[in-house]
Amino acid sequence: MASGRGSRRTTESEATVQYVQLDGLVVLNIIKHCEEVGSELSQGVLLGLLIGNCLEITNCFPFPRNALDDPDFDEMQYQMEMMRHLRYVNIDHLHVGWYQSTFFGGFVSKALMDSQFQYQHSLDESVVLIYDPLKTTQGYLSVKAYRLTPQTMAIYETMDFSPENIKQTKMAFSKIFDEVPVVIKNSHLVNALCLEIEEIGPPTEKYSFLDLATSSVLEKNIKLLMDTVDELSQDSNKFHNHYRQVAKQNQAKQQYVQKRHQENAARTAKGEVALPEEDINKLFKPLLPPSRLDNLLLSGQIKSYCEQINQYSSQGLGKLFFAEGLQDKKQVGTI
């Protein structure tokens, strides 16, 4: 995904990205792309410019569908050609990140971290936009921007996710990503056009803003949360089994050392030459500690699911209390 990134890097003195400004055209293009691919994963490239501490994203283009199935498809060549054409028509062509669709907030994965690390390693200001088409269809535009934290970048560069390094660096699942505020901005001409269209042809469809049918979304979120918790439990069991094996090996080492000392003491008492000391690490090979990356990712994914459930639950409770108040007034009016 990140093989087509640019080679531009910012200096350390430049300001950090404090917020992302999206043009309405970018949001519409992302929504259109996700609707075209349906339930499949959609990804694309973001183009724009860093101005101070604001990352302006003014254009984007998607990756072609089934590109990975074509062995002759060159991702880097495709991106370079697209940016060259955009530059020819005087459109911002600087690479500033990428976007990806997700469902039910399930975007925390190693593949996403790999791609974002490659982008930020080359482009310090790059971000990844996460768009949830399912949530958008329910009336809540879900576009979030994320960046890997400096702590994650430092650990990911060494790929040392051992328990000792995680403990030493005080790494936690809450420190993997930094969410960057997103602001959607349209030009004055676009705002005037929207108002004119609304006056010419007002919307005929009626939207049910008090729709209480959120049980299916909550049920799916809870099911995904349960599956992720099961995976986290299995990973924790592997981690505990490793330390049990380490404890057994340490016990075997101590028994071997004690036995060798007893043998040498007996040989010395008989006037015989003591046995030479052997490298104990050759007899007992050290057990490699398991990587804690999966644990961090699963914990981060659980956090994302919990935030989704909390949001839907709070909205559902608010609607229920509001509907209850309307129902009480209706009953009072009929008495």
C-alpha atoms as a PDB file:
ATOM      1  CA  MET A   1       0.000   0.000   0.000  1.00  0.00           C
ATOM      2  CA  ALA A   2       2.735   2.427   0.932  1.00  0.00           C
ATOM      3  CA  SER A   3       5.175   1.435  -1.779  1.00  0.00           C
ATOM      4  CA  GLY A   4       4.196   4.452  -3.874  1.00  0.00           C
ATOM      5  CA  ARG A   5       4.949   7.031  -1.236  1.00  0.00           C
ATOM      6  CA  GLY A   6       7.061  10.067  -2.028  1.00  0.00           C
ATOM      7  CA  SER A   7      10.523  10.860  -0.787  1.00  0.00           C
ATOM      8  CA  ARG A   8       9.772  14.301   0.691  1.00  0.00           C
ATOM      9  CA  ARG A   9      10.605  14.702   4.390  1.00  0.00           C
ATOM     10  CA  THR A  10       9.983  17.646   6.657  1.00  0.00           C
ATOM     11  CA  THR A  11      12.518  19.132   9.005  1.00  0.00           C
ATOM     12  CA  GLU A  12      12.348  18.714  12.758  1.00  0.00           C
ATOM     13  CA  SER A  13      11.689  22.403  13.219  1.00  0.00           C
ATOM     14  CA  GLU A  14       8.395  22.286  11.352  1.00  0.00           C
ATOM     15  CA  ALA A  15       5.204  22.337  13.382  1.00  0.00           C
ATOM     16  CA  THR A  16       3.397  19.103  14.112  1.00  0.00           C
ATOM     17  CA  VAL A  17       0.055  18.488  12.417  1.00  0.00           C
ATOM     18  CA  GLN A  18      -2.558  19.840  14.822  1.00  0.00           C
ATOM     19  CA  TYR A  19      -5.634  19.366  12.645  1.00  0.00           C
ATOM     20  CA  VAL A  20      -6.647  18.176   9.185  1.00  0.00           C
ATOM     21  CA  GLN A  21      -8.720  20.322   6.835  1.00  0.00           C
ATOM     22  CA  LEU A  22     -10.701  18.347   4.267  1.00  0.00           C
ATOM     23  CA  ASP A  23     -12.276  19.794   1.181  1.00  0.00           C
ATOM     24  CA  GLY A  24     -15.840  18.698   0.549  1.00  0.00           C
ATOM     25  CA  LEU A  25     -14.688  17.247  -2.778  1.00  0.00           C
ATOM     26  CA  VAL A  26     -12.379  14.832  -0.960  1.00  0.00           C
ATOM     27  CA  VAL A  27     -15.180  13.584   1.298  1.00  0.00           C
ATOM     28  CA  LEU A  28     -17.513  13.080  -1.663  1.00  0.00           C
ATOM     29  CA  ASN A  29     -14.846  11.208  -3.634  1.00  0.00           C
ATOM     30  CA  ILE A  30     -14.161   8.877  -0.697  1.00  0.00           C
ATOM     31  CA  ILE A  31     -17.881   8.219  -0.199  1.00  0.00           C
ATOM     32  CA  LYS A  32     -18.326   7.544  -3.927  1.00  0.00           C
ATOM     33  CA  HIS A  33     -15.373   5.158  -3.991  1.00  0.00           C
ATOM     34  CA  CYS A  34     -16.667   3.180  -0.997  1.00  0.00           C
ATOM     35  CA  GLU A  35     -20.149   2.938  -2.512  1.00  0.00           C
ATOM     36  CA  GLU A  36     -18.682   1.596  -5.756  1.00  0.00           C
ATOM     37  CA  VAL A  37     -16.689  -1.183  -4.096  1.00  0.00           C
ATOM     38  CA  GLY A  38     -19.503  -2.111  -1.699  1.00  0.00           C
ATOM     39  CA  SER A  39     -18.436  -4.268   1.228  1.00  0.00           C
ATOM     40  CA  GLU A  40     -14.870  -4.650  -0.060  1.00  0.00           C
ATOM     41  CA  LEU A  41     -11.924  -2.768   1.406  1.00  0.00           C
ATOM     42  CA  SER A  42     -11.346   0.540  -0.357  1.00  0.00           C
ATOM     43  CA  GLN A  43      -8.083   2.459  -0.245  1.00  0.00           C
ATOM     44  CA  GLY A  44      -6.715   5.522  -1.956  1.00  0.00           C
ATOM     45  CA  VAL A  45      -4.181   8.333  -1.916  1.00  0.00           C
ATOM     46  CA  LEU A  46      -4.602  11.764  -0.318  1.00  0.00           C
ATOM     47  CA  LEU A  47      -3.134  14.870  -1.929  1.00  0.00           C
ATOM     48  CA  GLY A  48      -2.682  18.300  -0.414  1.00  0.00           C
ATOM     49  CA  LEU A  49      -0.249  20.570   1.374  1.00  0.00           C
ATOM     50  CA  LEU A  50       1.012  21.234   4.898  1.00  0.00           C
ATOM     51  CA  ILE A  51       0.541  24.881   5.905  1.00  0.00           C
ATOM     52  CA  GLY A  52       1.846  25.587   9.390  1.00  0.00           C
ATOM     53  CA  ASN A  53       0.203  23.105  11.715  1.00  0.00           C
ATOM     54  CA  CYS A  54      -2.741  22.495   9.361  1.00  0.00           C
ATOM     55  CA  LEU A  55      -2.693  19.658   6.844  1.00  0.00           C
ATOM     56  CA  GLU A  56      -4.943  20.678   3.959  1.00  0.00           C
ATOM     57  CA  ILE A  57      -6.237  17.748   1.897  1.00  0.00           C
ATOM     58  CA  THR A  58      -7.630  19.062  -1.366  1.00  0.00           C
ATOM     59  CA  ASN A  59      -7.838  15.993  -3.588  1.00  0.00           C
ATOM     60  CA  CYS A  60      -7.629  12.217  -3.643  1.00  0.00           C
ATOM     61  CA  PHE A  61      -7.794   9.289  -6.011  1.00  0.00           C
ATOM     62  CA  PRO A  62      -8.562   5.616  -5.380  1.00  0.00           C
ATOM     63  CA  PHE A  63      -6.559   2.532  -6.099  1.00  0.00           C
ATOM     64  CA  PRO A  64      -8.051   0.441  -8.897  1.00  0.00           C
ATOM     65  CA  ARG A  65     -10.122  -2.552  -7.880  1.00  0.00           C
ATOM     66  CA  ASN A  66      -8.508  -5.996  -7.988  1.00  0.00           C
ATOM     67  CA  ALA A  67      -5.118  -4.361  -8.532  1.00  0.00           C
ATOM     68  CA  LEU A  68      -3.404  -6.866  -6.255  1.00  0.00           C
ATOM     69  CA  ASP A  69      -4.671  -9.754  -8.392  1.00  0.00           C
ATOM     70  CA  ASP A  70      -2.916  -8.379 -11.485  1.00  0.00           C
ATOM     71  CA  PRO A  71       0.769  -9.396 -11.472  1.00  0.00           C
ATOM     72  CA  ASP A  72       1.613  -6.708 -14.053  1.00  0.00           C
ATOM     73  CA  PHE A  73       0.154  -3.873 -11.971  1.00  0.00           C
ATOM     74  CA  ASP A  74       2.804  -1.439 -10.708  1.00  0.00           C
ATOM     75  CA  GLU A  75       1.413   0.506  -7.748  1.00  0.00           C
ATOM     76  CA  MET A  76       4.199   3.076  -7.702  1.00  0.00           C
ATOM     77  CA  GLN A  77       3.938   3.712 -11.430  1.00  0.00           C
ATOM     78  CA  TYR A  78       0.173   4.119 -11.139  1.00  0.00           C
ATOM     79  CA  GLN A  79       0.492   6.724  -8.374  1.00  0.00           C
ATOM     80  CA  MET A  80       3.220   8.636 -10.198  1.00  0.00           C
ATOM     81  CA  GLU A  81       1.122   8.752 -13.371  1.00  0.00           C
ATOM     82  CA  MET A  82      -1.942   9.986 -11.492  1.00  0.00           C
ATOM     83  CA  MET A  83       0.017  12.706  -9.686  1.00  0.00           C
ATOM     84  CA  ARG A  84       1.653  13.742 -12.964  1.00  0.00           C
ATOM     85  CA  HIS A  85      -1.744  14.159 -14.622  1.00  0.00           C
ATOM     86  CA  LEU A  86      -3.073  16.162 -11.682  1.00  0.00           C
ATOM     87  CA  ARG A  87      -0.044  18.409 -11.773  1.00  0.00           C
ATOM     88  CA  TYR A  88      -0.610  18.950 -15.488  1.00  0.00           C
ATOM     89  CA  VAL A  89      -4.107  20.365 -14.812  1.00  0.00           C
ATOM     90  CA  ASN A  90      -2.789  22.539 -11.943  1.00  0.00           C
ATOM     91  CA  ILE A  91      -4.233  20.499  -9.041  1.00  0.00           C
ATOM     92  CA  ASP A  92      -2.411  19.827  -5.788  1.00  0.00           C
ATOM     93  CA  HIS A  93      -0.329  16.725  -6.373  1.00  0.00           C
ATOM     94  CA  LEU A  94       1.757  16.422  -3.204  1.00  0.00           C
ATOM     95  CA  HIS A  95       1.353  13.143  -1.362  1.00  0.00           C
ATOM     96  CA  VAL A  96       0.134  13.670   2.231  1.00  0.00           C
ATOM     97  CA  GLY A  97      -1.293  10.290   3.223  1.00  0.00           C
ATOM     98  CA  TRP A  98      -3.914   7.710   2.353  1.00  0.00           C
ATOM     99  CA  TYR A  99      -7.426   6.648   3.263  1.00  0.00           C
ATOM    100  CA  GLN A 100      -9.131   3.360   4.027  1.00  0.00           C
ATOM    101  CA  SER A 101     -12.680   2.205   4.647  1.00  0.00           C
ATOM    102  CA  THR A 102     -13.726   0.233   7.698  1.00  0.00           C
ATOM    103  CA  PHE A 103     -16.854  -1.338   9.157  1.00  0.00           C
ATOM    104  CA  PHE A 104     -17.861  -1.158  12.828  1.00  0.00           C
ATOM    105  CA  GLY A 105     -14.562   0.511  13.707  1.00  0.00           C
ATOM    106  CA  GLY A 106     -12.453  -2.553  12.953  1.00  0.00           C
ATOM    107  CA  PHE A 107      -9.402  -0.862  11.471  1.00  0.00           C
ATOM    108  CA  VAL A 108      -6.622  -1.522  14.023  1.00  0.00           C
ATOM    109  CA  SER A 109      -4.412  -4.097  12.312  1.00  0.00           C
ATOM    110  CA  LYS A 110      -0.772  -4.804  11.561  1.00  0.00           C
ATOM    111  CA  ALA A 111      -1.293  -4.083   7.851  1.00  0.00           C
ATOM    112  CA  LEU A 112      -2.535  -0.575   8.630  1.00  0.00           C
ATOM    113  CA  MET A 113       0.370   0.040  11.011  1.00  0.00           C
ATOM    114  CA  ASP A 114       2.872  -1.167   8.405  1.00  0.00           C
ATOM    115  CA  SER A 115       1.490   1.164   5.749  1.00  0.00           C
ATOM    116  CA  GLN A 116       1.221   4.162   8.063  1.00  0.00           C
ATOM    117  CA  PHE A 117       4.737   3.593   9.369  1.00  0.00           C
ATOM    118  CA  GLN A 118       6.096   3.590   5.814  1.00  0.00           C
ATOM    119  CA  TYR A 119       4.229   6.806   5.057  1.00  0.00           C
ATOM    120  CA  GLN A 120       5.299   8.646   8.205  1.00  0.00           C
ATOM    121  CA  HIS A 121       8.860   7.408   7.858  1.00  0.00           C
ATOM    122  CA  SER A 122       9.050   9.165   4.477  1.00  0.00           C
ATOM    123  CA  LEU A 123       6.490  11.954   5.032  1.00  0.00           C
ATOM    124  CA  ASP A 124       6.377  13.221   8.593  1.00  0.00           C
ATOM    125  CA  GLU A 125       3.052  14.993   8.045  1.00  0.00           C
ATOM    126  CA  SER A 126       1.193  12.058   6.485  1.00  0.00           C
ATOM    127  CA  VAL A 127      -2.084  10.841   8.004  1.00  0.00           C
ATOM    128  CA  VAL A 128      -4.499   8.003   7.398  1.00  0.00           C
ATOM    129  CA  LEU A 129      -8.201   8.772   7.045  1.00  0.00           C
ATOM    130  CA  ILE A 130     -10.575   6.090   8.318  1.00  0.00           C
ATOM    131  CA  TYR A 131     -14.045   6.246   6.775  1.00  0.00           C
ATOM    132  CA  ASP A 132     -16.970   4.129   8.010  1.00  0.00           C
ATOM    133  CA  PRO A 133     -19.605   3.863   5.240  1.00  0.00           C
ATOM    134  CA  LEU A 134     -22.046   1.891   7.392  1.00  0.00           C
ATOM    135  CA  LYS A 135     -22.158   4.569  10.052  1.00  0.00           C
ATOM    136  CA  THR A 136     -22.499   7.259   7.378  1.00  0.00           C
ATOM    137  CA  THR A 137     -25.572   5.576   5.901  1.00  0.00           C
ATOM    138  CA  GLN A 138     -27.228   5.926   9.300  1.00  0.00           C
ATOM    139  CA  GLY A 139     -26.813   9.694   9.245  1.00  0.00           C
ATOM    140  CA  TYR A 140     -23.479  10.102  11.059  1.00  0.00           C
ATOM    141  CA  LEU A 141     -20.569  11.086   8.848  1.00  0.00           C
ATOM    142  CA  SER A 142     -17.619   9.106  10.190  1.00  0.00           C
ATOM    143  CA  VAL A 143     -14.265  10.397   8.938  1.00  0.00           C
ATOM    144  CA  LYS A 144     -11.350  10.253  11.368  1.00  0.00           C
ATOM    145  CA  ALA A 145      -7.653  11.013  10.893  1.00  0.00           C
ATOM    146  CA  TYR A 146      -4.913   9.102  12.709  1.00  0.00           C
ATOM    147  CA  ARG A 147      -1.148   9.236  13.017  1.00  0.00           C
ATOM    148  CA  LEU A 148       1.297   6.914  14.718  1.00  0.00           C
ATOM    149  CA  THR A 149       2.716   8.389  17.900  1.00  0.00           C
ATOM    150  CA  PRO A 150       6.465   9.136  18.115  1.00  0.00           C
ATOM    151  CA  GLN A 151       6.735   6.348  20.691  1.00  0.00           C
ATOM    152  CA  THR A 152       5.203   3.846  18.260  1.00  0.00           C
ATOM    153  CA  MET A 153       7.443   5.062  15.437  1.00  0.00           C
ATOM    154  CA  ALA A 154      10.561   4.548  17.578  1.00  0.00           C
ATOM    155  CA  ILE A 155       9.568   1.009  18.602  1.00  0.00           C
ATOM    156  CA  TYR A 156       8.330   0.068  15.135  1.00  0.00           C
ATOM    157  CA  GLU A 157      11.613   1.139  13.581  1.00  0.00           C
ATOM    158  CA  THR A 158      13.477  -1.423  15.691  1.00  0.00           C
ATOM    159  CA  MET A 159      10.612  -3.976  15.529  1.00  0.00           C
ATOM    160  CA  ASP A 160      11.436  -4.902  19.118  1.00  0.00           C
ATOM    161  CA  PHE A 161       8.086  -5.748  20.701  1.00  0.00           C
ATOM    162  CA  SER A 162       9.551  -7.958  23.390  1.00  0.00           C
ATOM    163  CA  PRO A 163       7.989  -7.765  26.873  1.00  0.00           C
ATOM    164  CA  GLU A 164      11.148  -6.159  28.300  1.00  0.00           C
ATOM    165  CA  ASN A 165      11.227  -3.407  25.671  1.00  0.00           C
ATOM    166  CA  ILE A 166       7.486  -2.746  25.997  1.00  0.00           C
ATOM    167  CA  LYS A 167       7.906  -2.414  29.761  1.00  0.00           C
ATOM    168  CA  GLN A 168      10.999  -0.236  29.450  1.00  0.00           C
ATOM    169  CA  THR A 169       9.415   2.178  26.953  1.00  0.00           C
ATOM    170  CA  LYS A 170       6.072   2.147  28.850  1.00  0.00           C
ATOM    171  CA  MET A 171       4.228   1.385  25.633  1.00  0.00           C
ATOM    172  CA  ALA A 172       0.455   0.862  25.833  1.00  0.00           C
ATOM    173  CA  PHE A 173      -2.367   0.257  23.381  1.00  0.00           C
ATOM    174  CA  SER A 174      -3.690   3.767  24.035  1.00  0.00           C
ATOM    175  CA  LYS A 175      -0.397   5.208  22.759  1.00  0.00           C
ATOM    176  CA  ILE A 176      -0.388   3.537  19.335  1.00  0.00           C
ATOM    177  CA  PHE A 177      -2.365   6.187  17.422  1.00  0.00           C
ATOM    178  CA  ASP A 178      -2.943   9.899  17.819  1.00  0.00           C
ATOM    179  CA  GLU A 179      -6.336  11.048  16.562  1.00  0.00           C
ATOM    180  CA  VAL A 180      -6.068  14.345  14.690  1.00  0.00           C
ATOM    181  CA  PRO A 181      -9.143  16.631  14.615  1.00  0.00           C
ATOM    182  CA  VAL A 182     -10.810  16.830  11.197  1.00  0.00           C
ATOM    183  CA  VAL A 183     -12.418  19.977   9.802  1.00  0.00           C
ATOM    184  CA  ILE A 184     -14.477  19.881   6.583  1.00  0.00           C
ATOM    185  CA  LYS A 185     -14.372  23.116   4.630  1.00  0.00           C
ATOM    186  CA  ASN A 186     -16.138  24.200   1.451  1.00  0.00           C
ATOM    187  CA  SER A 187     -15.581  27.286  -0.623  1.00  0.00           C
ATOM    188  CA  HIS A 188     -18.108  30.107  -0.523  1.00  0.00           C
ATOM    189  CA  LEU A 189     -19.230  29.240  -4.049  1.00  0.00           C
ATOM    190  CA  VAL A 190     -19.985  25.661  -3.019  1.00  0.00           C
ATOM    191  CA  ASN A 191     -21.941  26.847   0.031  1.00  0.00           C
ATOM    192  CA  ALA A 192     -23.921  29.256  -2.146  1.00  0.00           C
ATOM    193  CA  LEU A 193     -24.621  26.463  -4.659  1.00  0.00           C
ATOM    194  CA  CYS A 194     -25.873  24.138  -1.911  1.00  0.00           C
ATOM    195  CA  LEU A 195     -28.236  26.809  -0.606  1.00  0.00           C
ATOM    196  CA  GLU A 196     -29.509  27.522  -4.098  1.00  0.00           C
ATOM    197  CA  ILE A 197     -30.112  23.836  -4.813  1.00  0.00           C
ATOM    198  CA  GLU A 198     -31.966  23.485  -1.519  1.00  0.00           C
ATOM    199  CA  GLU A 199     -34.251  26.383  -2.434  1.00  0.00           C
ATOM    200  CA  ILE A 200     -34.867  25.137  -5.967  1.00  0.00           C
ATOM    201  CA  GLY A 201     -35.552  21.531  -5.059  1.00  0.00           C
ATOM    202  CA  PRO A 202     -36.120  20.898  -1.357  1.00  0.00           C
ATOM    203  CA  PRO A 203     -35.596  17.295  -0.248  1.00  0.00           C
ATOM    204  CA  THR A 204     -38.694  15.127  -0.597  1.00  0.00           C
ATOM    205  CA  GLU A 205     -37.444  12.187   1.442  1.00  0.00           C
ATOM    206  CA  LYS A 206     -38.249  12.206   5.127  1.00  0.00           C
ATOM    207  CA  TYR A 207     -35.563  10.968   7.464  1.00  0.00           C
ATOM    208  CA  SER A 208     -36.451   9.337  10.749  1.00  0.00           C
ATOM    209  CA  PHE A 209     -34.143  11.105  13.185  1.00  0.00           C
ATOM    210  CA  LEU A 210     -35.688   9.193  16.093  1.00  0.00           C
ATOM    211  CA  ASP A 211     -35.129   5.775  14.579  1.00  0.00           C
ATOM    212  CA  LEU A 212     -34.779   3.386  17.506  1.00  0.00           C
ATOM    213  CA  ALA A 213     -33.694   0.385  15.408  1.00  0.00           C
ATOM    214  CA  THR A 214     -30.059   0.333  16.532  1.00  0.00           C
ATOM    215  CA  SER A 215     -30.149  -3.147  18.043  1.00  0.00           C
ATOM    216  CA  SER A 216     -28.610  -4.775  14.954  1.00  0.00           C
ATOM    217  CA  VAL A 217     -25.626  -2.403  15.026  1.00  0.00           C
ATOM    218  CA  LEU A 218     -25.094  -2.916  18.751  1.00  0.00           C
ATOM    219  CA  GLU A 219     -25.450  -6.678  18.356  1.00  0.00           C
ATOM    220  CA  LYS A 220     -22.803  -6.760  15.619  1.00  0.00           C
ATOM    221  CA  ASN A 221     -20.448  -4.542  17.635  1.00  0.00           C
ATOM    222  CA  ILE A 222     -20.822  -6.702  20.724  1.00  0.00           C
ATOM    223  CA  LYS A 223     -20.228  -9.873  18.693  1.00  0.00           C
ATOM    224  CA  LEU A 224     -17.047  -8.424  17.207  1.00  0.00           C
ATOM    225  CA  LEU A 225     -15.985  -7.289  20.669  1.00  0.00           C
ATOM    226  CA  MET A 226     -16.498 -10.797  22.054  1.00  0.00           C
ATOM    227  CA  ASP A 227     -14.460 -12.341  19.216  1.00  0.00           C
ATOM    228  CA  THR A 228     -11.615  -9.887  19.800  1.00  0.00           C
ATOM    229  CA  VAL A 229     -11.669 -10.540  23.553  1.00  0.00           C
ATOM    230  CA  ASP A 230     -11.398 -14.286  22.815  1.00  0.00           C
ATOM    231  CA  GLU A 231      -8.361 -13.632  20.594  1.00  0.00           C
ATOM    232  CA  LEU A 232      -6.813 -11.486  23.313  1.00  0.00           C
ATOM    233  CA  SER A 233      -7.421 -14.252  25.856  1.00  0.00           C
ATOM    234  CA  GLN A 234      -5.699 -16.784  23.590  1.00  0.00           C
ATOM    235  CA  ASP A 235      -2.743 -14.450  23.136  1.00  0.00           C
ATOM    236  CA  SER A 236      -2.508 -13.964  26.912  1.00  0.00           C
ATOM    237  CA  ASN A 237      -2.554 -17.741  27.406  1.00  0.00           C
ATOM    238  CA  LYS A 238       0.379 -18.087  24.983  1.00  0.00           C
ATOM    239  CA  PHE A 239       2.246 -15.413  26.927  1.00  0.00           C
ATOM    240  CA  HIS A 240       1.620 -17.158  30.249  1.00  0.00           C
ATOM    241  CA  ASN A 241       2.612 -20.538  28.798  1.00  0.00           C
ATOM    242  CA  HIS A 242       5.902 -19.029  27.665  1.00  0.00           C
ATOM    243  CA  TYR A 243       6.736 -17.885  31.189  1.00  0.00           C
ATOM    244  CA  ARG A 244       5.763 -21.275  32.581  1.00  0.00           C
ATOM    245  CA  GLN A 245       8.225 -22.873  30.186  1.00  0.00           C
ATOM    246  CA  VAL A 246      10.871 -20.330  31.184  1.00  0.00           C
ATOM    247  CA  ALA A 247      10.307 -21.164  34.853  1.00  0.00           C
ATOM    248  CA  LYS A 248      10.606 -24.896  34.134  1.00  0.00           C
ATOM    249  CA  GLN A 249      13.810 -24.335  32.179  1.00  0.00           C
ATOM    250  CA  ASN A 250      15.306 -22.230  34.990  1.00  0.00           C
ATOM    251  CA  GLN A 251      14.453 -24.989  37.433  1.00  0.00           C
ATOM    252  CA  ALA A 252      16.100 -27.570  35.166  1.00  0.00           C
ATOM    253  CA  LYS A 253      19.195 -25.355  34.948  1.00  0.00           C
ATOM    254  CA  GLN A 254      19.467 -25.125  38.726  1.00  0.00           C
ATOM    255  CA  GLN A 255      19.077 -28.885  39.093  1.00  0.00           C
ATOM    256  CA  TYR A 256      21.773 -29.474  36.483  1.00  0.00           C
ATOM    257  CA  VAL A 257      24.183 -27.043  38.174  1.00  0.00           C
ATOM    258  CA  GLN A 258      23.587 -28.619  41.597  1.00  0.00           C
ATOM    259  CA  LYS A 259      24.078 -32.103  40.191  1.00  0.00           C
ATOM    260  CA  ARG A 260      27.341 -31.092  38.500  1.00  0.00           C
ATOM    261  CA  HIS A 261      28.625 -29.521  41.753  1.00  0.00           C
ATOM    262  CA  GLN A 262      27.800 -32.706  43.661  1.00  0.00           C
ATOM    263  CA  GLU A 263      29.598 -34.836  41.060  1.00  0.00           C
ATOM    264  CA  ASN A 264      32.693 -32.615  41.145  1.00  0.00           C
ATOM    265  CA  ALA A 265      32.699 -32.665  44.962  1.00  0.00           C
ATOM    266  CA  ALA A 266      32.550 -36.473  44.922  1.00  0.00           C
ATOM    267  CA  ARG A 267      35.342 -36.712  42.332  1.00  0.00           C
ATOM    268  CA  THR A 268      37.492 -34.271  44.291  1.00  0.00           C
ATOM    269  CA  ALA A 269      37.007 -36.349  47.459  1.00  0.00           C
ATOM    270  CA  LYS A 270      38.178 -39.452  45.548  1.00  0.00           C
ATOM    271  CA  GLY A 271      41.206 -37.565  44.213  1.00  0.00           C
ATOM    272  CA  GLU A 272      39.896 -37.514  40.649  1.00  0.00           C
ATOM    273  CA  VAL A 273      39.934 -34.577  38.245  1.00  0.00           C
ATOM    274  CA  ALA A 274      36.784 -32.467  38.384  1.00  0.00           C
ATOM    275  CA  LEU A 275      34.558 -32.353  35.314  1.00  0.00           C
ATOM    276  CA  PRO A 276      34.965 -29.189  33.229  1.00  0.00           C
ATOM    277  CA  GLU A 277      32.210 -26.617  33.433  1.00  0.00           C
ATOM    278  CA  GLU A 278      30.031 -26.492  30.316  1.00  0.00           C
ATOM    279  CA  ASP A 279      28.204 -23.561  28.829  1.00  0.00           C
ATOM    280  CA  ILE A 280      24.728 -23.992  30.244  1.00  0.00           C
ATOM    281  CA  ASN A 281      23.176 -21.918  27.440  1.00  0.00           C
ATOM    282  CA  LYS A 282      24.287 -24.571  24.937  1.00  0.00           C
ATOM    283  CA  LEU A 283      22.590 -27.304  26.919  1.00  0.00           C
ATOM    284  CA  PHE A 284      19.457 -25.222  27.543  1.00  0.00           C
ATOM    285  CA  LYS A 285      18.730 -22.916  24.632  1.00  0.00           C
ATOM    286  CA  PRO A 286      17.085 -19.673  25.774  1.00  0.00           C
ATOM    287  CA  LEU A 287      13.398 -19.442  24.881  1.00  0.00           C
ATOM    288  CA  LEU A 288      12.560 -16.462  22.685  1.00  0.00           C
ATOM    289  CA  PRO A 289       9.976 -14.166  24.279  1.00  0.00           C
ATOM    290  CA  PRO A 290       6.733 -13.756  22.319  1.00  0.00           C
ATOM    291  CA  SER A 291       6.046 -10.510  20.517  1.00  0.00           C
ATOM    292  CA  ARG A 292       3.567  -8.237  22.271  1.00  0.00           C
ATOM    293  CA  LEU A 293       2.498  -6.502  19.067  1.00  0.00           C
ATOM    294  CA  ASP A 294      -0.617  -8.651  18.653  1.00  0.00           C
ATOM    295  CA  ASN A 295      -1.576  -7.939  22.243  1.00  0.00           C
ATOM    296  CA  LEU A 296      -1.292  -4.188  21.684  1.00  0.00           C
ATOM    297  CA  LEU A 297      -3.299  -4.341  18.459  1.00  0.00           C
ATOM    298  CA  LEU A 298      -6.052  -6.477  19.961  1.00  0.00           C
ATOM    299  CA  SER A 299      -6.280  -4.193  22.980  1.00  0.00           C
ATOM    300  CA  GLY A 300      -6.478  -1.159  20.701  1.00  0.00           C
ATOM    301  CA  GLN A 301      -9.201  -2.843  18.647  1.00  0.00           C
ATOM    302  CA  ILE A 302     -11.180  -3.618  21.799  1.00  0.00           C
ATOM    303  CA  LYS A 303     -10.920   0.056  22.749  1.00  0.00           C
ATOM    304  CA  SER A 304     -12.291   1.033  19.322  1.00  0.00           C
ATOM    305  CA  TYR A 305     -15.228  -1.372  19.639  1.00  0.00           C
ATOM    306  CA  CYS A 306     -16.004  -0.094  23.141  1.00  0.00           C
ATOM    307  CA  GLU A 307     -16.055   3.487  21.865  1.00  0.00           C
ATOM    308  CA  GLN A 308     -18.464   2.468  19.095  1.00  0.00           C
ATOM    309  CA  ILE A 309     -20.743   0.669  21.556  1.00  0.00           C
ATOM    310  CA  ASN A 310     -20.623   3.595  23.978  1.00  0.00           C
ATOM    311  CA  GLN A 311     -21.547   6.044  21.241  1.00  0.00           C
ATOM    312  CA  TYR A 312     -24.445   3.991  19.890  1.00  0.00           C
ATOM    313  CA  SER A 313     -25.692   3.202  23.392  1.00  0.00           C
ATOM    314  CA  SER A 314     -25.676   6.844  24.498  1.00  0.00           C
ATOM    315  CA  GLN A 315     -27.524   7.871  21.339  1.00  0.00           C
ATOM    316  CA  GLY A 316     -30.032   5.050  21.745  1.00  0.00           C
ATOM    317  CA  LEU A 317     -30.701   5.903  25.386  1.00  0.00           C
ATOM    318  CA  GLY A 318     -31.215   9.545  24.497  1.00  0.00           C
ATOM    319  CA  LYS A 319     -33.748   8.608  21.838  1.00  0.00           C
ATOM    320  CA  LEU A 320     -35.543   6.233  24.187  1.00  0.00           C
ATOM    321  CA  PHE A 321     -35.902   8.875  26.918  1.00  0.00           C
ATOM    322  CA  PHE A 322     -37.062  11.402  24.325  1.00  0.00           C
ATOM    323  CA  ALA A 323     -39.599   8.954  22.923  1.00  0.00           C
ATOM    324  CA  GLU A 324     -40.775   8.128  26.434  1.00  0.00           C
ATOM    325  CA  GLY A 325     -41.392  11.809  27.116  1.00  0.00           C
ATOM    326  CA  LEU A 326     -43.402  12.159  23.914  1.00  0.00           C
ATOM    327  CA  GLN A 327     -45.400   9.055  24.789  1.00  0.00           C
ATOM    328  CA  ASP A 328     -46.217  10.386  28.260  1.00  0.00           C
ATOM    329  CA  LYS A 329     -47.415  13.701  26.807  1.00  0.00           C
ATOM    330  CA  LYS A 330     -49.551  11.822  24.292  1.00  0.00           C
ATOM    331  CA  GLN A 331     -51.175   9.769  27.041  1.00  0.00           C
ATOM    332  CA  VAL A 332     -51.838  12.878  29.131  1.00  0.00           C
ATOM    333  CA  GLY A 333     -53.411  14.568  26.147  1.00  0.00           C
ATOM    334  CA  THR A 334     -55.833  11.683  25.537  1.00  0.00           C
ATOM    335  CA  ILE A 335     -57.067  11.577  29.149  1.00  0.00           C
END
